[in-house]
Amino acid sequence: MIDIKKIEEQIVEQLQTIYDPEIPVDIYALGLIYEHTVKEDGSVFVRMTLTSPACPVAESLPMEVQEKIYAVEGVTDVDLRLVWDPPWSKDRMSEEAKFALDMF
């Protein structure tokens, strides 16, 4: 049996290492990850967005997210969905991200 909680924690740690190249804050703190769920079989479902549909890393960032999640021990599959609804807004950012970007 896999430790879902441990895998979820490791996924968050991996996501916190991914940065939008134009913003000095990780994508998790930016609020770009809307949902991540680990199932008993080790498969992971992720819903994420980008700051804008015209984001220059629109093709590479989701692939990087998927690769980082696959690197977590116990993950067997990653179903990543790039969504635009609801649209991203600065309200999704963590307090630390808002402080780092001076967006209070």
C-alpha atoms as a PDB file:
ATOM      1  CA  MET A   1       0.000   0.000   0.000  1.00  0.00           C
ATOM      2  CA  ILE A   2       1.333   3.437  -0.896  1.00  0.00           C
ATOM      3  CA  ASP A   3       1.567   6.379   1.469  1.00  0.00           C
ATOM      4  CA  ILE A   4      -0.676   8.905  -0.290  1.00  0.00           C
ATOM      5  CA  LYS A   5       0.037  11.681   2.203  1.00  0.00           C
ATOM      6  CA  LYS A   6       3.799  11.285   1.741  1.00  0.00           C
ATOM      7  CA  ILE A   7       3.461  11.309  -2.058  1.00  0.00           C
ATOM      8  CA  GLU A   8       1.270  14.435  -1.897  1.00  0.00           C
ATOM      9  CA  GLU A   9       3.878  16.184   0.268  1.00  0.00           C
ATOM     10  CA  GLN A  10       6.663  15.215  -2.124  1.00  0.00           C
ATOM     11  CA  ILE A  11       4.626  16.447  -5.089  1.00  0.00           C
ATOM     12  CA  VAL A  12       4.216  19.844  -3.424  1.00  0.00           C
ATOM     13  CA  GLU A  13       7.971  19.918  -2.734  1.00  0.00           C
ATOM     14  CA  GLN A  14       8.644  19.207  -6.418  1.00  0.00           C
ATOM     15  CA  LEU A  15       6.150  21.846  -7.567  1.00  0.00           C
ATOM     16  CA  GLN A  16       7.863  24.396  -5.331  1.00  0.00           C
ATOM     17  CA  THR A  17      11.038  23.957  -7.392  1.00  0.00           C
ATOM     18  CA  ILE A  18       9.363  25.093 -10.626  1.00  0.00           C
ATOM     19  CA  TYR A  19       9.429  28.770 -11.492  1.00  0.00           C
ATOM     20  CA  ASP A  20       7.815  30.807 -14.220  1.00  0.00           C
ATOM     21  CA  PRO A  21      10.937  32.358 -15.797  1.00  0.00           C
ATOM     22  CA  GLU A  22       9.376  35.823 -15.734  1.00  0.00           C
ATOM     23  CA  ILE A  23       8.303  35.696 -12.083  1.00  0.00           C
ATOM     24  CA  PRO A  24      10.683  34.950  -9.174  1.00  0.00           C
ATOM     25  CA  VAL A  25       8.079  32.871  -7.309  1.00  0.00           C
ATOM     26  CA  ASP A  26       7.385  29.141  -7.648  1.00  0.00           C
ATOM     27  CA  ILE A  27       4.242  28.008  -9.460  1.00  0.00           C
ATOM     28  CA  TYR A  28       2.742  26.472  -6.320  1.00  0.00           C
ATOM     29  CA  ALA A  29       2.979  29.741  -4.371  1.00  0.00           C
ATOM     30  CA  LEU A  30       1.640  31.589  -7.419  1.00  0.00           C
ATOM     31  CA  GLY A  31      -1.509  29.479  -7.206  1.00  0.00           C
ATOM     32  CA  LEU A  32      -1.130  27.956 -10.666  1.00  0.00           C
ATOM     33  CA  ILE A  33      -1.859  24.471  -9.308  1.00  0.00           C
ATOM     34  CA  TYR A  34      -5.613  24.271  -8.780  1.00  0.00           C
ATOM     35  CA  GLU A  35      -5.774  20.629  -7.739  1.00  0.00           C
ATOM     36  CA  HIS A  36      -3.542  17.612  -7.287  1.00  0.00           C
ATOM     37  CA  THR A  37      -4.938  14.272  -6.206  1.00  0.00           C
ATOM     38  CA  VAL A  38      -3.129  10.986  -5.598  1.00  0.00           C
ATOM     39  CA  LYS A  39      -5.084   7.748  -5.963  1.00  0.00           C
ATOM     40  CA  GLU A  40      -4.401   4.395  -4.269  1.00  0.00           C
ATOM     41  CA  ASP A  41      -2.737   3.054  -7.429  1.00  0.00           C
ATOM     42  CA  GLY A  42      -0.194   5.901  -7.450  1.00  0.00           C
ATOM     43  CA  SER A  43      -1.791   7.784 -10.313  1.00  0.00           C
ATOM     44  CA  VAL A  44      -1.936  11.554  -9.953  1.00  0.00           C
ATOM     45  CA  PHE A  45      -4.517  13.973 -11.334  1.00  0.00           C
ATOM     46  CA  VAL A  46      -3.430  17.602 -11.691  1.00  0.00           C
ATOM     47  CA  ARG A  47      -5.409  20.655 -12.738  1.00  0.00           C
ATOM     48  CA  MET A  48      -3.280  23.705 -13.369  1.00  0.00           C
ATOM     49  CA  THR A  49      -3.357  26.994 -15.208  1.00  0.00           C
ATOM     50  CA  LEU A  50      -0.942  29.668 -16.349  1.00  0.00           C
ATOM     51  CA  THR A  51      -0.923  33.360 -15.564  1.00  0.00           C
ATOM     52  CA  SER A  52      -2.103  34.019 -19.130  1.00  0.00           C
ATOM     53  CA  PRO A  53      -2.980  31.970 -22.222  1.00  0.00           C
ATOM     54  CA  ALA A  54      -0.211  33.911 -23.990  1.00  0.00           C
ATOM     55  CA  CYS A  55       2.370  32.811 -21.409  1.00  0.00           C
ATOM     56  CA  PRO A  56       5.689  32.167 -23.186  1.00  0.00           C
ATOM     57  CA  VAL A  57       6.155  28.872 -21.304  1.00  0.00           C
ATOM     58  CA  ALA A  58       2.678  27.554 -22.139  1.00  0.00           C
ATOM     59  CA  GLU A  59       4.136  24.498 -23.851  1.00  0.00           C
ATOM     60  CA  SER A  60       7.117  23.752 -21.619  1.00  0.00           C
ATOM     61  CA  LEU A  61       5.781  24.483 -18.108  1.00  0.00           C
ATOM     62  CA  PRO A  62       3.074  21.772 -18.027  1.00  0.00           C
ATOM     63  CA  MET A  63       5.631  19.260 -19.317  1.00  0.00           C
ATOM     64  CA  GLU A  64       8.041  20.256 -16.548  1.00  0.00           C
ATOM     65  CA  VAL A  65       5.273  19.839 -13.955  1.00  0.00           C
ATOM     66  CA  GLN A  66       4.498  16.381 -15.289  1.00  0.00           C
ATOM     67  CA  GLU A  67       8.177  15.363 -15.279  1.00  0.00           C
ATOM     68  CA  LYS A  68       8.703  16.563 -11.692  1.00  0.00           C
ATOM     69  CA  ILE A  69       5.643  14.655 -10.491  1.00  0.00           C
ATOM     70  CA  TYR A  70       6.741  11.483 -12.294  1.00  0.00           C
ATOM     71  CA  ALA A  71      10.052  11.787 -10.408  1.00  0.00           C
ATOM     72  CA  VAL A  72       8.259  11.265  -7.075  1.00  0.00           C
ATOM     73  CA  GLU A  73       8.654   7.695  -5.846  1.00  0.00           C
ATOM     74  CA  GLY A  74       5.344   5.827  -5.947  1.00  0.00           C
ATOM     75  CA  VAL A  75       3.811   7.865  -8.780  1.00  0.00           C
ATOM     76  CA  THR A  76       2.649   5.544 -11.545  1.00  0.00           C
ATOM     77  CA  ASP A  77       0.875   7.953 -13.902  1.00  0.00           C
ATOM     78  CA  VAL A  78       0.184  11.681 -14.251  1.00  0.00           C
ATOM     79  CA  ASP A  79      -2.996  13.047 -15.817  1.00  0.00           C
ATOM     80  CA  LEU A  80      -2.318  16.778 -16.159  1.00  0.00           C
ATOM     81  CA  ARG A  81      -5.055  19.110 -17.364  1.00  0.00           C
ATOM     82  CA  LEU A  82      -4.260  22.675 -18.346  1.00  0.00           C
ATOM     83  CA  VAL A  83      -7.390  24.737 -17.639  1.00  0.00           C
ATOM     84  CA  TRP A  84      -8.405  28.352 -18.091  1.00  0.00           C
ATOM     85  CA  ASP A  85     -11.539  28.336 -15.968  1.00  0.00           C
ATOM     86  CA  PRO A  86     -11.468  29.799 -13.429  1.00  0.00           C
ATOM     87  CA  PRO A  87      -8.946  32.263 -14.766  1.00  0.00           C
ATOM     88  CA  TRP A  88      -5.852  32.808 -12.639  1.00  0.00           C
ATOM     89  CA  SER A  89      -5.745  35.947 -10.537  1.00  0.00           C
ATOM     90  CA  LYS A  90      -3.348  37.299  -7.929  1.00  0.00           C
ATOM     91  CA  ASP A  91      -5.908  36.312  -5.275  1.00  0.00           C
ATOM     92  CA  ARG A  92      -4.728  32.692  -5.732  1.00  0.00           C
ATOM     93  CA  MET A  93      -1.195  33.602  -4.636  1.00  0.00           C
ATOM     94  CA  SER A  94       0.127  32.712  -1.203  1.00  0.00           C
ATOM     95  CA  GLU A  95       0.821  35.558   1.202  1.00  0.00           C
ATOM     96  CA  GLU A  96       4.552  34.872   0.804  1.00  0.00           C
ATOM     97  CA  ALA A  97       4.284  35.197  -2.990  1.00  0.00           C
ATOM     98  CA  LYS A  98       2.362  38.456  -2.700  1.00  0.00           C
ATOM     99  CA  PHE A  99       5.016  39.795  -0.334  1.00  0.00           C
ATOM    100  CA  ALA A 100       7.885  38.673  -2.615  1.00  0.00           C
ATOM    101  CA  LEU A 101       6.262  40.408  -5.573  1.00  0.00           C
ATOM    102  CA  ASP A 102       5.109  43.450  -3.546  1.00  0.00           C
ATOM    103  CA  MET A 103       1.494  42.820  -4.562  1.00  0.00           C
ATOM    104  CA  PHE A 104      -0.444  43.700  -1.408  1.00  0.00           C
END
